[in-house]
Amino acid sequence: MGEQSIIHMHDISKNYELGKITVKALHSIDLSIEAGDFLVIAGSSGSGKTTLLNLIGLIDTPTSGSIYFDSKELDGNERRLTEYRRDRLGYIFQTFNLIPVMNVYENVEFPLILQGVSQGQRKQLVMDVLEQVGLTGHHRHKPRELSGGQRQRVAIARAIVKKPDIVLADEPTANLDSVTGEEIIELMEKLNAHNGTTFVFSSHDPMIITRGRRIIRLHDGQIIREKEAA
């Protein structure tokens, strides 16, 4: 476990029970997420990449093995897990998952309300992050009034506004055309370089995979190769 590891996973396995059948989604995974990573979990459909992303994001729990956050083993304490998810992890979904009745400002502000941030601080943080993602002037728009690329920028703003340790992105370009997808990846690269934001992607999109600085390849629930960009 490296000194800069935010999350370390040791001998992680995940099984699902489907009736009388046990589906082994992940087998004996060892993986560390380091501060400043731009890491892609790659693999075909059914390889286990979304399951692994959900375990890193503390959305799911392993069948066996240990997960460490800041070198402390997670013990299943739901209150502590909720605090980690609320305060230290950001999530970007391929379907955006914006709240349709809220405008852009309110969608981005929502995680800060959950954290108990004051109204004055919230306004400053939200407007700053909207500028970073290129949405200045769109803060009163509802999601239905935005393009797919703009909605994903809102989702990114919502994920990073609380300055999390890690942002997890599940197939973030899946519902975007190639040009817009390229713009979104470039935006994430900029946030990683300028803000030091740690990104972990789950994707089979070659455009994302070739941009990763670390690439974990999964096959049938096992890591078959790890590569670092030159």
C-alpha atoms as a PDB file:
ATOM      1  CA  MET A   1       0.000   0.000   0.000  1.00  0.00           C
ATOM      2  CA  GLY A   2       1.692   3.215  -1.196  1.00  0.00           C
ATOM      3  CA  GLU A   3       1.970   6.277   0.991  1.00  0.00           C
ATOM      4  CA  GLN A   4      -0.211   8.232  -1.451  1.00  0.00           C
ATOM      5  CA  SER A   5      -2.907   5.541  -1.736  1.00  0.00           C
ATOM      6  CA  ILE A   6      -6.390   6.864  -1.101  1.00  0.00           C
ATOM      7  CA  ILE A   7      -8.040   3.481  -1.565  1.00  0.00           C
ATOM      8  CA  HIS A   8      -6.325   0.111  -1.433  1.00  0.00           C
ATOM      9  CA  MET A   9      -8.085  -3.144  -2.253  1.00  0.00           C
ATOM     10  CA  HIS A  10      -6.615  -6.471  -1.141  1.00  0.00           C
ATOM     11  CA  ASP A  11      -7.741  -9.894  -2.384  1.00  0.00           C
ATOM     12  CA  ILE A  12     -11.211  -8.602  -3.294  1.00  0.00           C
ATOM     13  CA  SER A  13     -13.837 -10.977  -4.654  1.00  0.00           C
ATOM     14  CA  LYS A  14     -17.489 -10.288  -5.407  1.00  0.00           C
ATOM     15  CA  ASN A  15     -20.187 -12.898  -5.984  1.00  0.00           C
ATOM     16  CA  TYR A  16     -23.858 -12.487  -6.825  1.00  0.00           C
ATOM     17  CA  GLU A  17     -26.521 -15.080  -6.113  1.00  0.00           C
ATOM     18  CA  LEU A  18     -29.003 -15.523  -8.949  1.00  0.00           C
ATOM     19  CA  GLY A  19     -31.422 -18.149  -7.727  1.00  0.00           C
ATOM     20  CA  LYS A  20     -29.344 -21.300  -7.269  1.00  0.00           C
ATOM     21  CA  ILE A  21     -26.502 -19.950  -9.395  1.00  0.00           C
ATOM     22  CA  THR A  22     -23.493 -18.080  -8.003  1.00  0.00           C
ATOM     23  CA  VAL A  23     -22.043 -15.538 -10.417  1.00  0.00           C
ATOM     24  CA  LYS A  24     -18.418 -14.726  -9.654  1.00  0.00           C
ATOM     25  CA  ALA A  25     -18.083 -11.110 -10.809  1.00  0.00           C
ATOM     26  CA  LEU A  26     -14.585 -10.404  -9.415  1.00  0.00           C
ATOM     27  CA  HIS A  27     -11.769 -12.682  -8.289  1.00  0.00           C
ATOM     28  CA  SER A  28      -8.811 -11.843  -6.023  1.00  0.00           C
ATOM     29  CA  ILE A  29      -8.400  -8.191  -7.029  1.00  0.00           C
ATOM     30  CA  ASP A  30      -5.462  -6.174  -5.658  1.00  0.00           C
ATOM     31  CA  LEU A  31      -5.541  -2.496  -6.607  1.00  0.00           C
ATOM     32  CA  SER A  32      -4.473   0.854  -5.191  1.00  0.00           C
ATOM     33  CA  ILE A  33      -5.871   4.241  -6.223  1.00  0.00           C
ATOM     34  CA  GLU A  34      -3.221   6.922  -5.847  1.00  0.00           C
ATOM     35  CA  ALA A  35      -3.701  10.661  -5.391  1.00  0.00           C
ATOM     36  CA  GLY A  36      -3.710  12.357  -8.813  1.00  0.00           C
ATOM     37  CA  ASP A  37      -4.437   9.173 -10.766  1.00  0.00           C
ATOM     38  CA  PHE A  38      -6.135   9.288 -14.162  1.00  0.00           C
ATOM     39  CA  LEU A  39      -6.994   5.603 -14.220  1.00  0.00           C
ATOM     40  CA  VAL A  40      -9.143   3.626 -16.645  1.00  0.00           C
ATOM     41  CA  ILE A  41     -10.699   0.261 -15.812  1.00  0.00           C
ATOM     42  CA  ALA A  42     -11.163  -1.299 -19.243  1.00  0.00           C
ATOM     43  CA  GLY A  43     -12.837  -4.471 -20.397  1.00  0.00           C
ATOM     44  CA  SER A  44     -15.672  -5.867 -22.435  1.00  0.00           C
ATOM     45  CA  SER A  45     -19.253  -6.041 -21.234  1.00  0.00           C
ATOM     46  CA  GLY A  46     -19.474  -8.517 -18.359  1.00  0.00           C
ATOM     47  CA  SER A  47     -15.791  -8.282 -17.471  1.00  0.00           C
ATOM     48  CA  GLY A  48     -16.557  -6.848 -14.012  1.00  0.00           C
ATOM     49  CA  LYS A  49     -15.458  -3.248 -14.559  1.00  0.00           C
ATOM     50  CA  THR A  50     -18.667  -1.617 -13.275  1.00  0.00           C
ATOM     51  CA  THR A  51     -18.680  -3.957 -10.275  1.00  0.00           C
ATOM     52  CA  LEU A  52     -15.112  -2.927  -9.495  1.00  0.00           C
ATOM     53  CA  LEU A  53     -15.968   0.765  -9.898  1.00  0.00           C
ATOM     54  CA  ASN A  54     -18.900   0.358  -7.507  1.00  0.00           C
ATOM     55  CA  LEU A  55     -16.624  -1.234  -4.912  1.00  0.00           C
ATOM     56  CA  ILE A  56     -14.075   1.582  -5.257  1.00  0.00           C
ATOM     57  CA  GLY A  57     -16.943   4.056  -4.890  1.00  0.00           C
ATOM     58  CA  LEU A  58     -18.215   2.280  -1.761  1.00  0.00           C
ATOM     59  CA  ILE A  59     -21.597   1.807  -3.433  1.00  0.00           C
ATOM     60  CA  ASP A  60     -21.271  -1.972  -3.025  1.00  0.00           C
ATOM     61  CA  THR A  61     -19.432  -4.243  -0.593  1.00  0.00           C
ATOM     62  CA  PRO A  62     -17.143  -7.179  -1.440  1.00  0.00           C
ATOM     63  CA  THR A  63     -17.967 -10.810  -0.726  1.00  0.00           C
ATOM     64  CA  SER A  64     -14.440 -11.279   0.606  1.00  0.00           C
ATOM     65  CA  GLY A  65     -11.219  -9.310   0.919  1.00  0.00           C
ATOM     66  CA  SER A  66     -10.382  -5.931   2.445  1.00  0.00           C
ATOM     67  CA  ILE A  67     -10.773  -2.308   1.347  1.00  0.00           C
ATOM     68  CA  TYR A  68      -8.678   0.401   2.993  1.00  0.00           C
ATOM     69  CA  PHE A  69      -9.473   4.126   2.848  1.00  0.00           C
ATOM     70  CA  ASP A  70      -6.576   6.340   4.006  1.00  0.00           C
ATOM     71  CA  SER A  71      -4.838   3.154   5.226  1.00  0.00           C
ATOM     72  CA  LYS A  72      -7.787   2.337   7.518  1.00  0.00           C
ATOM     73  CA  GLU A  73      -9.703  -0.841   6.822  1.00  0.00           C
ATOM     74  CA  LEU A  74     -13.412  -0.288   6.196  1.00  0.00           C
ATOM     75  CA  ASP A  75     -15.468  -2.270   8.663  1.00  0.00           C
ATOM     76  CA  GLY A  76     -18.944  -1.950   7.189  1.00  0.00           C
ATOM     77  CA  ASN A  77     -19.923   0.947   9.457  1.00  0.00           C
ATOM     78  CA  GLU A  78     -22.729   2.453   7.356  1.00  0.00           C
ATOM     79  CA  ARG A  79     -22.462   5.889   8.943  1.00  0.00           C
ATOM     80  CA  ARG A  80     -18.768   6.107   8.093  1.00  0.00           C
ATOM     81  CA  LEU A  81     -19.371   4.817   4.553  1.00  0.00           C
ATOM     82  CA  THR A  82     -22.106   7.429   4.068  1.00  0.00           C
ATOM     83  CA  GLU A  83     -19.713  10.167   5.192  1.00  0.00           C
ATOM     84  CA  TYR A  84     -17.032   8.967   2.759  1.00  0.00           C
ATOM     85  CA  ARG A  85     -19.521   8.887  -0.118  1.00  0.00           C
ATOM     86  CA  ARG A  86     -20.927  12.310   0.786  1.00  0.00           C
ATOM     87  CA  ASP A  87     -17.676  14.134   1.488  1.00  0.00           C
ATOM     88  CA  ARG A  88     -14.822  12.398  -0.294  1.00  0.00           C
ATOM     89  CA  LEU A  89     -16.162  10.729  -3.421  1.00  0.00           C
ATOM     90  CA  GLY A  90     -17.759  12.205  -6.534  1.00  0.00           C
ATOM     91  CA  TYR A  91     -19.796  10.253  -9.087  1.00  0.00           C
ATOM     92  CA  ILE A  92     -20.399  10.791 -12.811  1.00  0.00           C
ATOM     93  CA  PHE A  93     -22.942   8.519 -14.491  1.00  0.00           C
ATOM     94  CA  GLN A  94     -23.407   7.764 -18.194  1.00  0.00           C
ATOM     95  CA  THR A  95     -27.079   8.787 -17.938  1.00  0.00           C
ATOM     96  CA  PHE A  96     -26.115  12.041 -16.131  1.00  0.00           C
ATOM     97  CA  ASN A  97     -28.636  11.443 -13.275  1.00  0.00           C
ATOM     98  CA  LEU A  98     -29.505  15.121 -12.985  1.00  0.00           C
ATOM     99  CA  ILE A  99     -32.627  16.112 -11.036  1.00  0.00           C
ATOM    100  CA  PRO A 100     -35.025  17.341 -13.772  1.00  0.00           C
ATOM    101  CA  VAL A 101     -37.032  19.756 -11.599  1.00  0.00           C
ATOM    102  CA  MET A 102     -33.845  21.553 -10.492  1.00  0.00           C
ATOM    103  CA  ASN A 103     -31.902  24.006 -12.627  1.00  0.00           C
ATOM    104  CA  VAL A 104     -28.154  23.735 -13.271  1.00  0.00           C
ATOM    105  CA  TYR A 105     -27.224  25.793 -10.208  1.00  0.00           C
ATOM    106  CA  GLU A 106     -29.463  23.731  -7.912  1.00  0.00           C
ATOM    107  CA  ASN A 107     -28.175  20.405  -9.261  1.00  0.00           C
ATOM    108  CA  VAL A 108     -24.574  21.414  -8.612  1.00  0.00           C
ATOM    109  CA  GLU A 109     -25.422  22.964  -5.252  1.00  0.00           C
ATOM    110  CA  PHE A 110     -27.215  19.877  -3.911  1.00  0.00           C
ATOM    111  CA  PRO A 111     -24.132  17.958  -2.604  1.00  0.00           C
ATOM    112  CA  LEU A 112     -23.045  21.089  -0.691  1.00  0.00           C
ATOM    113  CA  ILE A 113     -26.453  21.321   0.987  1.00  0.00           C
ATOM    114  CA  LEU A 114     -26.045  17.710   2.144  1.00  0.00           C
ATOM    115  CA  GLN A 115     -22.669  18.685   3.606  1.00  0.00           C
ATOM    116  CA  GLY A 116     -24.152  21.621   5.488  1.00  0.00           C
ATOM    117  CA  VAL A 117     -22.131  24.272   3.638  1.00  0.00           C
ATOM    118  CA  SER A 118     -23.406  27.819   4.237  1.00  0.00           C
ATOM    119  CA  GLN A 119     -25.422  29.568   1.525  1.00  0.00           C
ATOM    120  CA  GLY A 120     -22.728  32.176   0.860  1.00  0.00           C
ATOM    121  CA  GLN A 121     -20.023  29.538   0.474  1.00  0.00           C
ATOM    122  CA  ARG A 122     -22.289  27.432  -1.721  1.00  0.00           C
ATOM    123  CA  LYS A 123     -22.865  30.287  -4.163  1.00  0.00           C
ATOM    124  CA  GLN A 124     -19.139  30.973  -4.518  1.00  0.00           C
ATOM    125  CA  LEU A 125     -18.261  27.293  -4.968  1.00  0.00           C
ATOM    126  CA  VAL A 126     -21.041  26.626  -7.469  1.00  0.00           C
ATOM    127  CA  MET A 127     -20.320  29.666  -9.650  1.00  0.00           C
ATOM    128  CA  ASP A 128     -16.583  28.916  -9.598  1.00  0.00           C
ATOM    129  CA  VAL A 129     -17.062  25.329 -10.707  1.00  0.00           C
ATOM    130  CA  LEU A 130     -19.579  26.263 -13.414  1.00  0.00           C
ATOM    131  CA  GLU A 131     -16.940  28.585 -14.825  1.00  0.00           C
ATOM    132  CA  GLN A 132     -14.388  25.758 -14.749  1.00  0.00           C
ATOM    133  CA  VAL A 133     -16.627  23.463 -16.795  1.00  0.00           C
ATOM    134  CA  GLY A 134     -17.657  26.162 -19.269  1.00  0.00           C
ATOM    135  CA  LEU A 135     -21.252  26.676 -18.139  1.00  0.00           C
ATOM    136  CA  THR A 136     -21.160  30.288 -17.004  1.00  0.00           C
ATOM    137  CA  GLY A 137     -24.507  31.815 -17.942  1.00  0.00           C
ATOM    138  CA  HIS A 138     -26.346  28.483 -17.949  1.00  0.00           C
ATOM    139  CA  HIS A 139     -27.020  28.280 -14.224  1.00  0.00           C
ATOM    140  CA  ARG A 140     -30.773  28.916 -14.532  1.00  0.00           C
ATOM    141  CA  HIS A 141     -31.358  26.354 -17.290  1.00  0.00           C
ATOM    142  CA  LYS A 142     -33.178  23.092 -16.560  1.00  0.00           C
ATOM    143  CA  PRO A 143     -31.540  19.830 -17.737  1.00  0.00           C
ATOM    144  CA  ARG A 144     -34.104  19.434 -20.546  1.00  0.00           C
ATOM    145  CA  GLU A 145     -32.885  22.733 -22.027  1.00  0.00           C
ATOM    146  CA  LEU A 146     -29.299  21.479 -22.352  1.00  0.00           C
ATOM    147  CA  SER A 147     -27.452  19.346 -24.874  1.00  0.00           C
ATOM    148  CA  GLY A 148     -25.985  15.976 -23.856  1.00  0.00           C
ATOM    149  CA  GLY A 149     -22.522  17.472 -23.550  1.00  0.00           C
ATOM    150  CA  GLN A 150     -23.799  20.311 -21.391  1.00  0.00           C
ATOM    151  CA  ARG A 151     -25.646  17.851 -19.134  1.00  0.00           C
ATOM    152  CA  GLN A 152     -22.451  15.859 -18.665  1.00  0.00           C
ATOM    153  CA  ARG A 153     -20.610  19.080 -17.776  1.00  0.00           C
ATOM    154  CA  VAL A 154     -23.255  19.720 -15.108  1.00  0.00           C
ATOM    155  CA  ALA A 155     -22.702  16.180 -13.821  1.00  0.00           C
ATOM    156  CA  ILE A 156     -18.942  16.816 -13.683  1.00  0.00           C
ATOM    157  CA  ALA A 157     -19.499  20.120 -11.864  1.00  0.00           C
ATOM    158  CA  ARG A 158     -21.742  18.387  -9.334  1.00  0.00           C
ATOM    159  CA  ALA A 159     -19.100  15.696  -8.788  1.00  0.00           C
ATOM    160  CA  ILE A 160     -16.173  18.071  -8.234  1.00  0.00           C
ATOM    161  CA  VAL A 161     -17.849  21.006  -6.432  1.00  0.00           C
ATOM    162  CA  LYS A 162     -17.190  19.465  -3.018  1.00  0.00           C
ATOM    163  CA  LYS A 163     -13.509  18.855  -3.937  1.00  0.00           C
ATOM    164  CA  PRO A 164     -13.602  15.071  -3.454  1.00  0.00           C
ATOM    165  CA  ASP A 165     -10.564  12.813  -3.159  1.00  0.00           C
ATOM    166  CA  ILE A 166     -11.729  10.676  -6.080  1.00  0.00           C
ATOM    167  CA  VAL A 167     -14.191  11.174  -8.942  1.00  0.00           C
ATOM    168  CA  LEU A 168     -15.607   7.944 -10.378  1.00  0.00           C
ATOM    169  CA  ALA A 169     -16.983   8.006 -13.912  1.00  0.00           C
ATOM    170  CA  ASP A 170     -18.962   5.081 -15.330  1.00  0.00           C
ATOM    171  CA  GLU A 171     -18.893   5.137 -19.152  1.00  0.00           C
ATOM    172  CA  PRO A 172     -19.020   8.974 -19.191  1.00  0.00           C
ATOM    173  CA  THR A 173     -18.985   9.212 -23.003  1.00  0.00           C
ATOM    174  CA  ALA A 174     -21.514   6.431 -23.708  1.00  0.00           C
ATOM    175  CA  ASN A 175     -24.395   8.804 -24.540  1.00  0.00           C
ATOM    176  CA  LEU A 176     -22.313  11.436 -26.327  1.00  0.00           C
ATOM    177  CA  ASP A 177     -21.178  11.837 -29.921  1.00  0.00           C
ATOM    178  CA  SER A 178     -17.448  11.496 -30.571  1.00  0.00           C
ATOM    179  CA  VAL A 179     -16.732  15.235 -30.767  1.00  0.00           C
ATOM    180  CA  THR A 180     -18.570  15.986 -27.524  1.00  0.00           C
ATOM    181  CA  GLY A 181     -16.973  12.958 -25.876  1.00  0.00           C
ATOM    182  CA  GLU A 182     -13.545  14.283 -26.800  1.00  0.00           C
ATOM    183  CA  GLU A 183     -14.400  17.652 -25.250  1.00  0.00           C
ATOM    184  CA  ILE A 184     -15.535  15.968 -22.019  1.00  0.00           C
ATOM    185  CA  ILE A 185     -12.326  13.919 -21.746  1.00  0.00           C
ATOM    186  CA  GLU A 186     -10.229  17.034 -22.377  1.00  0.00           C
ATOM    187  CA  LEU A 187     -12.141  18.816 -19.613  1.00  0.00           C
ATOM    188  CA  MET A 188     -11.432  15.980 -17.179  1.00  0.00           C
ATOM    189  CA  GLU A 189      -7.757  15.975 -18.153  1.00  0.00           C
ATOM    190  CA  LYS A 190      -7.612  19.701 -17.450  1.00  0.00           C
ATOM    191  CA  LEU A 191      -9.248  19.258 -14.033  1.00  0.00           C
ATOM    192  CA  ASN A 192      -6.808  16.462 -13.252  1.00  0.00           C
ATOM    193  CA  ALA A 193      -3.783  18.531 -14.293  1.00  0.00           C
ATOM    194  CA  HIS A 194      -4.797  21.897 -12.814  1.00  0.00           C
ATOM    195  CA  ASN A 195      -6.744  20.834  -9.701  1.00  0.00           C
ATOM    196  CA  GLY A 196      -5.074  17.499  -9.008  1.00  0.00           C
ATOM    197  CA  THR A 197      -8.481  15.793  -9.125  1.00  0.00           C
ATOM    198  CA  THR A 198      -8.160  11.995  -9.092  1.00  0.00           C
ATOM    199  CA  PHE A 199     -10.285  10.288 -11.762  1.00  0.00           C
ATOM    200  CA  VAL A 200     -11.196   6.606 -12.082  1.00  0.00           C
ATOM    201  CA  PHE A 201     -13.105   5.569 -15.210  1.00  0.00           C
ATOM    202  CA  SER A 202     -14.958   2.422 -16.161  1.00  0.00           C
ATOM    203  CA  SER A 203     -15.089   2.262 -19.944  1.00  0.00           C
ATOM    204  CA  HIS A 204     -14.711   0.252 -23.121  1.00  0.00           C
ATOM    205  CA  ASP A 205     -14.418   3.458 -25.210  1.00  0.00           C
ATOM    206  CA  PRO A 206     -10.995   3.428 -26.958  1.00  0.00           C
ATOM    207  CA  MET A 207     -10.912   7.233 -26.797  1.00  0.00           C
ATOM    208  CA  ILE A 208     -10.928   7.109 -22.984  1.00  0.00           C
ATOM    209  CA  ILE A 209      -8.656   4.062 -22.717  1.00  0.00           C
ATOM    210  CA  THR A 210      -5.902   5.642 -24.822  1.00  0.00           C
ATOM    211  CA  ARG A 211      -5.981   8.771 -22.643  1.00  0.00           C
ATOM    212  CA  GLY A 212      -5.592   6.922 -19.343  1.00  0.00           C
ATOM    213  CA  ARG A 213      -2.288   7.280 -17.542  1.00  0.00           C
ATOM    214  CA  ARG A 214      -2.953   3.987 -15.794  1.00  0.00           C
ATOM    215  CA  ILE A 215      -4.971   1.283 -17.502  1.00  0.00           C
ATOM    216  CA  ILE A 216      -6.365  -1.754 -15.697  1.00  0.00           C
ATOM    217  CA  ARG A 217      -7.709  -4.438 -18.034  1.00  0.00           C
ATOM    218  CA  LEU A 218     -10.267  -6.891 -16.707  1.00  0.00           C
ATOM    219  CA  HIS A 219     -11.309 -10.211 -18.174  1.00  0.00           C
ATOM    220  CA  ASP A 220     -13.827 -12.507 -16.489  1.00  0.00           C
ATOM    221  CA  GLY A 221     -13.480 -10.619 -13.219  1.00  0.00           C
ATOM    222  CA  GLN A 222      -9.691 -10.704 -13.017  1.00  0.00           C
ATOM    223  CA  ILE A 223      -7.002  -8.125 -13.737  1.00  0.00           C
ATOM    224  CA  ILE A 224      -5.097  -9.479 -16.714  1.00  0.00           C
ATOM    225  CA  ARG A 225      -2.874  -6.486 -17.327  1.00  0.00           C
ATOM    226  CA  GLU A 226      -1.945  -3.123 -15.823  1.00  0.00           C
ATOM    227  CA  LYS A 227      -0.195  -0.525 -17.924  1.00  0.00           C
ATOM    228  CA  GLU A 228       1.129   2.933 -17.215  1.00  0.00           C
ATOM    229  CA  ALA A 229       1.408   5.511 -19.992  1.00  0.00           C
ATOM    230  CA  ALA A 230       4.948   6.330 -21.083  1.00  0.00           C
END
